[in-house]
């Protein structure tokens, strides 16, 4: 369902973001959201730096495949 919402927003050139506990957790959700082309993530303060680092490392390994 989240994938469908992201896809629909992107097709309409609309901003799409998500907030909540999910993107801040240890699961692969935040990486999956980025791969789906989400515009922004709302994160818990204690997970911001770690998330930026993980996403940056992933981008270096895989390149910008989600656009």
N, C-alpha and C. Protein backbone atom coordinates (compact mmCIF):
# COMPACT_ATOMS: atom_id res chain seq x y z
N UNK A 1 0.82 -1.19 0.00
CA UNK A 1 0.00 0.00 0.00
C UNK A 1 0.87 1.27 0.00
N UNK A 2 1.94 1.23 0.77
CA UNK A 2 2.86 2.38 0.80
C UNK A 2 3.48 2.58 -0.58
N UNK A 3 3.88 1.48 -1.20
CA UNK A 3 4.47 1.56 -2.54
C UNK A 3 3.50 2.20 -3.53
N UNK A 4 2.25 1.82 -3.46
CA UNK A 4 1.24 2.38 -4.35
C UNK A 4 1.07 3.88 -4.12
N UNK A 5 1.09 4.29 -2.86
CA UNK A 5 0.95 5.72 -2.55
C UNK A 5 2.14 6.52 -3.08
N UNK A 6 3.34 6.00 -2.88
CA UNK A 6 4.54 6.68 -3.37
C UNK A 6 4.50 6.78 -4.89
N UNK A 7 4.16 5.69 -5.56
CA UNK A 7 4.09 5.67 -7.02
C UNK A 7 3.06 6.68 -7.53
N UNK A 8 1.90 6.72 -6.91
CA UNK A 8 0.84 7.65 -7.33
C UNK A 8 1.30 9.10 -7.16
N UNK A 9 1.94 9.40 -6.04
CA UNK A 9 2.42 10.76 -5.81
C UNK A 9 3.49 11.15 -6.83
N UNK A 10 4.42 10.25 -7.07
CA UNK A 10 5.49 10.54 -8.03
C UNK A 10 4.93 10.75 -9.42
N UNK A 11 3.94 9.99 -9.83
CA UNK A 11 3.34 10.16 -11.14
C UNK A 11 2.70 11.52 -11.31
N UNK A 12 2.22 12.07 -10.20
CA UNK A 12 1.58 13.39 -10.23
C UNK A 12 2.57 14.51 -9.89
N UNK A 13 3.85 14.18 -9.81
CA UNK A 13 4.88 15.15 -9.43
C UNK A 13 4.58 15.83 -8.10
N UNK A 14 4.11 15.04 -7.15
CA UNK A 14 3.77 15.54 -5.82
C UNK A 14 4.83 15.13 -4.81
N UNK A 15 4.97 15.95 -3.81
CA UNK A 15 5.85 15.67 -2.68
C UNK A 15 5.29 14.45 -1.93
N UNK A 16 6.16 13.55 -1.52
CA UNK A 16 5.72 12.42 -0.72
C UNK A 16 6.74 12.17 0.39
N UNK A 17 6.26 12.17 1.61
CA UNK A 17 7.11 11.94 2.76
C UNK A 17 6.41 11.03 3.74
N UNK A 18 7.15 10.58 4.73
CA UNK A 18 6.58 9.70 5.74
C UNK A 18 7.17 10.07 7.09
N UNK A 19 6.34 9.97 8.09
CA UNK A 19 6.82 10.18 9.45
C UNK A 19 6.31 9.04 10.31
N UNK A 20 6.94 8.87 11.42
CA UNK A 20 6.55 7.79 12.32
C UNK A 20 7.76 7.00 12.75
N UNK A 21 7.53 5.97 13.49
CA UNK A 21 8.61 5.16 14.04
C UNK A 21 9.32 4.31 12.99
N UNK A 22 8.61 3.88 11.97
CA UNK A 22 9.16 2.94 10.99
C UNK A 22 10.50 3.32 10.39
N UNK A 23 10.64 4.50 9.78
CA UNK A 23 11.91 4.85 9.16
C UNK A 23 13.07 4.98 10.14
N UNK A 24 12.79 5.16 11.41
CA UNK A 24 13.84 5.31 12.42
C UNK A 24 14.33 3.98 12.97
N UNK A 25 13.60 2.93 12.72
CA UNK A 25 13.94 1.63 13.29
C UNK A 25 15.05 0.92 12.56
N UNK A 26 15.46 -0.22 13.10
CA UNK A 26 16.58 -0.96 12.52
C UNK A 26 16.22 -1.77 11.27
N UNK A 27 14.96 -1.83 10.94
CA UNK A 27 14.55 -2.63 9.77
C UNK A 27 15.03 -1.98 8.48
N UNK A 28 14.83 -2.64 7.38
CA UNK A 28 15.22 -2.12 6.08
C UNK A 28 14.20 -1.16 5.51
N UNK A 29 13.22 -0.74 6.30
CA UNK A 29 12.16 0.12 5.78
C UNK A 29 12.69 1.42 5.20
N UNK A 30 13.58 2.09 5.88
CA UNK A 30 14.04 3.39 5.37
C UNK A 30 14.75 3.23 4.04
N UNK A 31 15.57 2.19 3.90
CA UNK A 31 16.26 1.96 2.63
C UNK A 31 15.25 1.65 1.53
N UNK A 32 14.26 0.83 1.84
CA UNK A 32 13.22 0.49 0.87
C UNK A 32 12.46 1.74 0.44
N UNK A 33 12.12 2.61 1.40
CA UNK A 33 11.41 3.85 1.08
C UNK A 33 12.22 4.71 0.13
N UNK A 34 13.51 4.83 0.37
CA UNK A 34 14.38 5.61 -0.51
C UNK A 34 14.42 4.98 -1.89
N UNK A 35 14.51 3.67 -1.96
CA UNK A 35 14.52 2.98 -3.25
C UNK A 35 13.21 3.20 -4.00
N UNK A 36 12.13 3.38 -3.29
CA UNK A 36 10.84 3.63 -3.92
C UNK A 36 10.70 5.06 -4.42
N UNK A 37 11.62 5.94 -4.00
CA UNK A 37 11.61 7.32 -4.47
C UNK A 37 10.90 8.29 -3.54
N UNK A 38 10.81 7.95 -2.27
CA UNK A 38 10.17 8.86 -1.32
C UNK A 38 10.97 10.17 -1.25
N UNK A 39 10.29 11.27 -1.03
CA UNK A 39 10.93 12.58 -1.02
C UNK A 39 11.60 12.89 0.30
N UNK A 40 10.97 12.52 1.42
CA UNK A 40 11.57 12.81 2.72
C UNK A 40 11.15 11.79 3.76
N UNK A 41 11.99 11.68 4.77
CA UNK A 41 11.73 10.80 5.91
C UNK A 41 11.78 11.63 7.18
N UNK A 42 10.86 11.42 8.06
CA UNK A 42 10.91 12.01 9.38
C UNK A 42 11.52 10.97 10.30
N UNK A 43 12.55 11.35 11.03
CA UNK A 43 13.30 10.41 11.86
C UNK A 43 13.32 10.83 13.32
N UNK A 44 13.49 9.86 14.19
CA UNK A 44 13.73 10.18 15.60
C UNK A 44 15.10 10.82 15.70
N UNK A 45 15.26 11.80 16.58
CA UNK A 45 16.55 12.50 16.68
C UNK A 45 17.75 11.57 16.87
N UNK A 46 17.58 10.50 17.62
CA UNK A 46 18.71 9.61 17.88
C UNK A 46 19.09 8.73 16.69
N UNK A 47 18.33 8.78 15.61
CA UNK A 47 18.63 7.94 14.46
C UNK A 47 19.05 8.74 13.22
N UNK A 48 19.07 10.06 13.30
CA UNK A 48 19.35 10.89 12.12
C UNK A 48 20.74 10.64 11.54
N UNK A 49 21.77 10.77 12.36
CA UNK A 49 23.14 10.64 11.86
C UNK A 49 23.38 9.23 11.31
N UNK A 50 22.96 8.23 12.05
CA UNK A 50 23.13 6.84 11.60
C UNK A 50 22.41 6.60 10.27
N UNK A 51 21.21 7.15 10.13
CA UNK A 51 20.45 6.98 8.89
C UNK A 51 21.16 7.65 7.73
N UNK A 52 21.63 8.89 7.92
CA UNK A 52 22.35 9.58 6.85
C UNK A 52 23.56 8.77 6.42
N UNK A 53 24.30 8.25 7.39
CA UNK A 53 25.50 7.48 7.07
C UNK A 53 25.16 6.22 6.29
N UNK A 54 24.14 5.49 6.74
CA UNK A 54 23.75 4.26 6.05
C UNK A 54 23.27 4.54 4.63
N UNK A 55 22.47 5.56 4.47
CA UNK A 55 21.97 5.89 3.13
C UNK A 55 23.09 6.36 2.21
N UNK A 56 24.04 7.12 2.75
CA UNK A 56 25.17 7.58 1.95
C UNK A 56 26.03 6.40 1.50
N UNK A 57 26.28 5.46 2.41
CA UNK A 57 27.06 4.28 2.03
C UNK A 57 26.33 3.47 0.96
N UNK A 58 25.04 3.36 1.11
CA UNK A 58 24.25 2.61 0.14
C UNK A 58 24.29 3.27 -1.23
N UNK A 59 24.18 4.59 -1.27
CA UNK A 59 24.24 5.33 -2.53
C UNK A 59 25.60 5.13 -3.20
N UNK A 60 26.67 5.12 -2.42
CA UNK A 60 28.00 4.91 -2.99
C UNK A 60 28.11 3.52 -3.61
N UNK A 61 27.53 2.52 -2.95
CA UNK A 61 27.61 1.14 -3.45
C UNK A 61 26.73 0.93 -4.66
N UNK A 62 25.54 1.51 -4.65
CA UNK A 62 24.54 1.19 -5.67
C UNK A 62 24.27 2.31 -6.65
N UNK A 63 24.75 3.48 -6.39
CA UNK A 63 24.46 4.61 -7.27
C UNK A 63 23.03 5.08 -7.05
N UNK A 64 22.61 6.04 -7.82
CA UNK A 64 21.29 6.63 -7.67
C UNK A 64 20.29 5.87 -8.54
N UNK A 65 19.87 4.68 -8.10
CA UNK A 65 18.99 3.82 -8.90
C UNK A 65 17.51 4.12 -8.70
N UNK A 66 17.14 4.89 -7.72
CA UNK A 66 15.72 5.06 -7.41
C UNK A 66 15.06 6.20 -8.18
N UNK A 67 15.78 6.90 -9.04
CA UNK A 67 15.14 7.99 -9.80
C UNK A 67 15.01 7.64 -11.22
